[in-house]
C-alpha cells in the first residue's frame, strides 16, 4: 500500500507501463510465431525486417536481454534459410 501521493502516482505509472510492455512483448511473440509457421520463403523474407525491428525495440527497452534478441533473430534467419 502506497503511503504518499508520489508512491500512488508511481504505482499508477508502473501499471500503465506494465500493460504497455506486455502488449508489445505479446505482439512480437505472435509475429515471431507467424514467421516460424509460414512455409513461403518470400513472405517470411518480407516480414523478417519488421520482426527484427520489434525484437530490437524490446531489447532496447530492456524487456528482453540483447543476447536473447540476437538469438531470436538468428533463429528466424536460420528458419528462413531452410525454407525451399
N, C-alpha and C. Protein backbone atom coordinates (compact mmCIF):
# COMPACT_ATOMS: atom_id res chain seq x y z
N UNK A 1 0.83 -1.18 0.00
CA UNK A 1 0.00 0.00 0.00
C UNK A 1 0.88 1.24 0.00
N UNK A 2 0.54 2.17 -0.89
CA UNK A 2 1.33 3.39 -1.00
C UNK A 2 1.03 4.33 0.17
N UNK A 3 2.10 4.92 0.70
CA UNK A 3 1.93 5.82 1.84
C UNK A 3 1.91 7.29 1.44
N UNK A 4 2.39 7.62 0.28
CA UNK A 4 2.46 9.01 -0.15
C UNK A 4 1.81 9.17 -1.51
N UNK A 5 1.51 10.40 -1.86
CA UNK A 5 0.91 10.68 -3.16
C UNK A 5 1.85 10.31 -4.29
N UNK A 6 3.14 10.56 -4.09
CA UNK A 6 4.10 10.22 -5.15
C UNK A 6 4.20 8.71 -5.34
N UNK A 7 4.07 7.95 -4.26
CA UNK A 7 4.09 6.49 -4.38
C UNK A 7 2.85 5.98 -5.10
N UNK A 8 1.70 6.61 -4.83
CA UNK A 8 0.47 6.24 -5.53
C UNK A 8 0.59 6.52 -7.03
N UNK A 9 1.16 7.67 -7.36
CA UNK A 9 1.35 8.02 -8.76
C UNK A 9 2.32 7.04 -9.42
N UNK A 10 3.38 6.69 -8.72
CA UNK A 10 4.34 5.73 -9.26
C UNK A 10 3.67 4.40 -9.54
N UNK A 11 2.79 3.98 -8.65
CA UNK A 11 2.06 2.72 -8.86
C UNK A 11 1.18 2.79 -10.10
N UNK A 12 0.51 3.93 -10.29
CA UNK A 12 -0.33 4.08 -11.48
C UNK A 12 0.52 4.03 -12.75
N UNK A 13 1.66 4.72 -12.73
CA UNK A 13 2.53 4.73 -13.89
C UNK A 13 3.09 3.34 -14.17
N UNK A 14 3.49 2.65 -13.10
CA UNK A 14 4.03 1.30 -13.27
C UNK A 14 3.02 0.36 -13.90
N UNK A 15 1.77 0.49 -13.50
CA UNK A 15 0.73 -0.36 -14.07
C UNK A 15 0.54 -0.05 -15.56
N UNK A 16 0.50 1.23 -15.91
CA UNK A 16 0.37 1.60 -17.32
C UNK A 16 1.54 1.07 -18.13
N UNK A 17 2.74 1.24 -17.61
CA UNK A 17 3.94 0.78 -18.32
C UNK A 17 3.94 -0.75 -18.45
N UNK A 18 3.51 -1.43 -17.41
CA UNK A 18 3.48 -2.89 -17.43
C UNK A 18 2.53 -3.39 -18.53
N UNK A 19 1.35 -2.79 -18.62
CA UNK A 19 0.39 -3.20 -19.65
C UNK A 19 0.91 -2.87 -21.05
N UNK A 20 1.55 -1.72 -21.19
CA UNK A 20 2.11 -1.32 -22.47
C UNK A 20 3.20 -2.30 -22.90
N UNK A 21 4.11 -2.61 -21.99
CA UNK A 21 5.20 -3.53 -22.29
C UNK A 21 4.68 -4.93 -22.60
N UNK A 22 3.66 -5.36 -21.86
CA UNK A 22 3.07 -6.69 -22.07
C UNK A 22 2.46 -6.79 -23.46
N UNK A 23 1.79 -5.72 -23.90
CA UNK A 23 1.19 -5.71 -25.23
C UNK A 23 2.25 -5.87 -26.32
N UNK A 24 3.33 -5.07 -26.24
CA UNK A 24 4.35 -5.13 -27.28
C UNK A 24 5.13 -6.44 -27.25
N UNK A 25 5.35 -7.00 -26.07
CA UNK A 25 6.03 -8.28 -25.97
C UNK A 25 5.18 -9.39 -26.60
N UNK A 26 3.89 -9.37 -26.31
CA UNK A 26 2.99 -10.39 -26.86
C UNK A 26 2.86 -10.24 -28.37
N UNK A 27 2.78 -9.01 -28.86
CA UNK A 27 2.69 -8.77 -30.29
C UNK A 27 3.93 -9.29 -31.00
N UNK A 28 5.08 -9.08 -30.41
CA UNK A 28 6.33 -9.55 -31.00
C UNK A 28 6.37 -11.08 -31.01
N UNK A 29 5.96 -11.70 -29.92
CA UNK A 29 5.94 -13.17 -29.87
C UNK A 29 5.02 -13.73 -30.94
N UNK A 30 3.87 -13.09 -31.15
CA UNK A 30 2.94 -13.55 -32.19
C UNK A 30 3.56 -13.39 -33.58
N UNK A 31 4.28 -12.30 -33.81
CA UNK A 31 4.91 -12.09 -35.11
C UNK A 31 5.99 -13.14 -35.36
N UNK A 32 6.76 -13.46 -34.33
CA UNK A 32 7.78 -14.49 -34.46
C UNK A 32 7.12 -15.83 -34.77
N UNK A 33 6.06 -16.13 -34.07
CA UNK A 33 5.34 -17.39 -34.31
C UNK A 33 4.80 -17.45 -35.73
N UNK A 34 4.27 -16.34 -36.24
CA UNK A 34 3.74 -16.32 -37.59
C UNK A 34 4.82 -16.60 -38.63
N UNK A 35 6.00 -16.04 -38.42
CA UNK A 35 7.10 -16.30 -39.37
C UNK A 35 7.50 -17.77 -39.31
N UNK A 36 7.58 -18.32 -38.11
CA UNK A 36 8.02 -19.70 -37.96
C UNK A 36 6.97 -20.70 -38.46
N UNK A 37 5.72 -20.27 -38.57
CA UNK A 37 4.67 -21.16 -39.05
C UNK A 37 4.44 -21.05 -40.56
N UNK A 38 5.05 -20.07 -41.20
CA UNK A 38 4.87 -19.92 -42.63
C UNK A 38 5.77 -20.89 -43.39
N UNK A 39 5.31 -21.29 -44.57
CA UNK A 39 6.11 -22.18 -45.41
C UNK A 39 6.56 -21.48 -46.68
N UNK A 40 6.17 -20.22 -46.84
CA UNK A 40 6.53 -19.45 -48.03
C UNK A 40 7.75 -18.58 -47.72
N UNK A 41 8.84 -18.85 -48.42
CA UNK A 41 10.09 -18.15 -48.15
C UNK A 41 9.97 -16.66 -48.44
N UNK A 42 9.30 -16.31 -49.52
CA UNK A 42 9.18 -14.90 -49.90
C UNK A 42 8.44 -14.10 -48.82
N UNK A 43 7.35 -14.64 -48.33
CA UNK A 43 6.59 -13.96 -47.28
C UNK A 43 7.43 -13.80 -46.01
N UNK A 44 8.14 -14.86 -45.66
CA UNK A 44 8.97 -14.82 -44.46
C UNK A 44 10.07 -13.76 -44.60
N UNK A 45 10.68 -13.68 -45.79
CA UNK A 45 11.74 -12.69 -46.01
C UNK A 45 11.20 -11.26 -45.97
N UNK A 46 9.97 -11.07 -46.44
CA UNK A 46 9.37 -9.73 -46.42
C UNK A 46 9.04 -9.29 -44.99
N UNK A 47 8.60 -10.23 -44.15
CA UNK A 47 8.19 -9.89 -42.79
C UNK A 47 9.35 -9.85 -41.81
N UNK A 48 10.47 -10.44 -42.15
CA UNK A 48 11.60 -10.54 -41.22
C UNK A 48 12.11 -9.19 -40.74
N UNK A 49 12.33 -8.19 -41.60
CA UNK A 49 12.84 -6.91 -41.10
C UNK A 49 11.91 -6.24 -40.08
N UNK A 50 10.61 -6.38 -40.27
CA UNK A 50 9.65 -5.81 -39.32
C UNK A 50 9.77 -6.49 -37.97
N UNK A 51 9.91 -7.81 -38.00
CA UNK A 51 10.01 -8.57 -36.75
C UNK A 51 11.34 -8.27 -36.07
N UNK A 52 12.41 -8.15 -36.86
CA UNK A 52 13.72 -7.81 -36.29
C UNK A 52 13.64 -6.46 -35.56
N UNK A 53 12.95 -5.50 -36.16
CA UNK A 53 12.80 -4.19 -35.54
C UNK A 53 12.03 -4.29 -34.22
N UNK A 54 10.99 -5.12 -34.21
CA UNK A 54 10.21 -5.30 -32.99
C UNK A 54 11.07 -5.91 -31.88
N UNK A 55 11.87 -6.90 -32.25
CA UNK A 55 12.75 -7.56 -31.28
C UNK A 55 13.78 -6.57 -30.76
N UNK A 56 14.35 -5.77 -31.65
CA UNK A 56 15.35 -4.78 -31.23
C UNK A 56 14.76 -3.75 -30.26
N UNK A 57 13.52 -3.36 -30.51
CA UNK A 57 12.87 -2.39 -29.62
C UNK A 57 12.65 -2.98 -28.23
N UNK A 58 12.29 -4.27 -28.18
CA UNK A 58 12.13 -4.91 -26.87
C UNK A 58 13.45 -4.95 -26.12
N UNK A 59 14.53 -5.23 -26.84
CA UNK A 59 15.85 -5.28 -26.20
C UNK A 59 16.28 -3.89 -25.75
N UNK A 60 15.99 -2.89 -26.56
CA UNK A 60 16.38 -1.53 -26.21
C UNK A 60 15.67 -1.06 -24.95
N UNK A 61 14.40 -1.45 -24.79
CA UNK A 61 13.63 -1.05 -23.60
C UNK A 61 13.97 -1.92 -22.39
N UNK A 62 14.72 -2.98 -22.61
CA UNK A 62 15.11 -3.84 -21.50
C UNK A 62 14.10 -4.93 -21.19
N UNK A 63 13.14 -5.16 -22.07
CA UNK A 63 12.15 -6.21 -21.82
C UNK A 63 12.73 -7.59 -22.07
N UNK A 64 13.67 -7.67 -22.98
CA UNK A 64 14.43 -8.90 -23.18
C UNK A 64 15.90 -8.52 -23.24
N UNK A 65 16.76 -9.47 -22.94
CA UNK A 65 18.20 -9.22 -22.96
C UNK A 65 18.68 -9.11 -24.41
N UNK A 66 19.73 -8.35 -24.63
CA UNK A 66 20.22 -8.16 -26.00
C UNK A 66 20.70 -9.47 -26.60
N UNK A 67 21.21 -10.39 -25.79
CA UNK A 67 21.65 -11.68 -26.32
C UNK A 67 20.45 -12.53 -26.73
N UNK A 68 19.37 -12.44 -25.97
CA UNK A 68 18.15 -13.16 -26.35
C UNK A 68 17.61 -12.62 -27.67
N UNK A 69 17.67 -11.30 -27.82
CA UNK A 69 17.22 -10.69 -29.07
C UNK A 69 18.05 -11.21 -30.23
N UNK A 70 19.35 -11.27 -30.03
CA UNK A 70 20.24 -11.77 -31.07
C UNK A 70 19.93 -13.23 -31.40
N UNK A 71 19.69 -14.03 -30.37
CA UNK A 71 19.38 -15.44 -30.59
C UNK A 71 18.05 -15.61 -31.33
N UNK A 72 17.07 -14.79 -31.00
CA UNK A 72 15.78 -14.86 -31.69
C UNK A 72 15.93 -14.53 -33.17
N UNK A 73 16.65 -13.44 -33.44
CA UNK A 73 16.85 -13.02 -34.83
C UNK A 73 17.62 -14.08 -35.61
N UNK A 74 18.62 -14.65 -34.97
CA UNK A 74 19.41 -15.69 -35.62
C UNK A 74 18.55 -16.91 -35.93
N UNK A 75 17.72 -17.30 -34.98
CA UNK A 75 16.85 -18.45 -35.19
C UNK A 75 15.86 -18.23 -36.31
N UNK A 76 15.35 -17.02 -36.41
CA UNK A 76 14.42 -16.71 -37.50
C UNK A 76 15.14 -16.81 -38.84
N UNK A 77 16.35 -16.27 -38.90
CA UNK A 77 17.11 -16.31 -40.16
C UNK A 77 17.47 -17.73 -40.55
N UNK A 78 17.82 -18.55 -39.57
CA UNK A 78 18.12 -19.97 -39.86
C UNK A 78 16.89 -20.64 -40.44
N UNK A 79 15.72 -20.37 -39.86
CA UNK A 79 14.49 -20.96 -40.36
C UNK A 79 14.20 -20.50 -41.79
N UNK A 80 14.39 -19.21 -42.06
CA UNK A 80 14.13 -18.68 -43.40
C UNK A 80 15.09 -19.31 -44.41
N UNK A 81 16.33 -19.47 -44.02
CA UNK A 81 17.31 -20.07 -44.95
C UNK A 81 16.98 -21.52 -45.27
N UNK A 82 16.33 -22.23 -44.36
CA UNK A 82 15.98 -23.63 -44.60
C UNK A 82 14.77 -23.79 -45.50
N UNK A 83 13.96 -22.73 -45.63
CA UNK A 83 12.79 -22.82 -46.49
C UNK A 83 13.20 -22.99 -47.94
N UNK A 84 12.41 -23.76 -48.67
CA UNK A 84 12.75 -24.02 -50.07
C UNK A 84 12.22 -22.92 -50.97
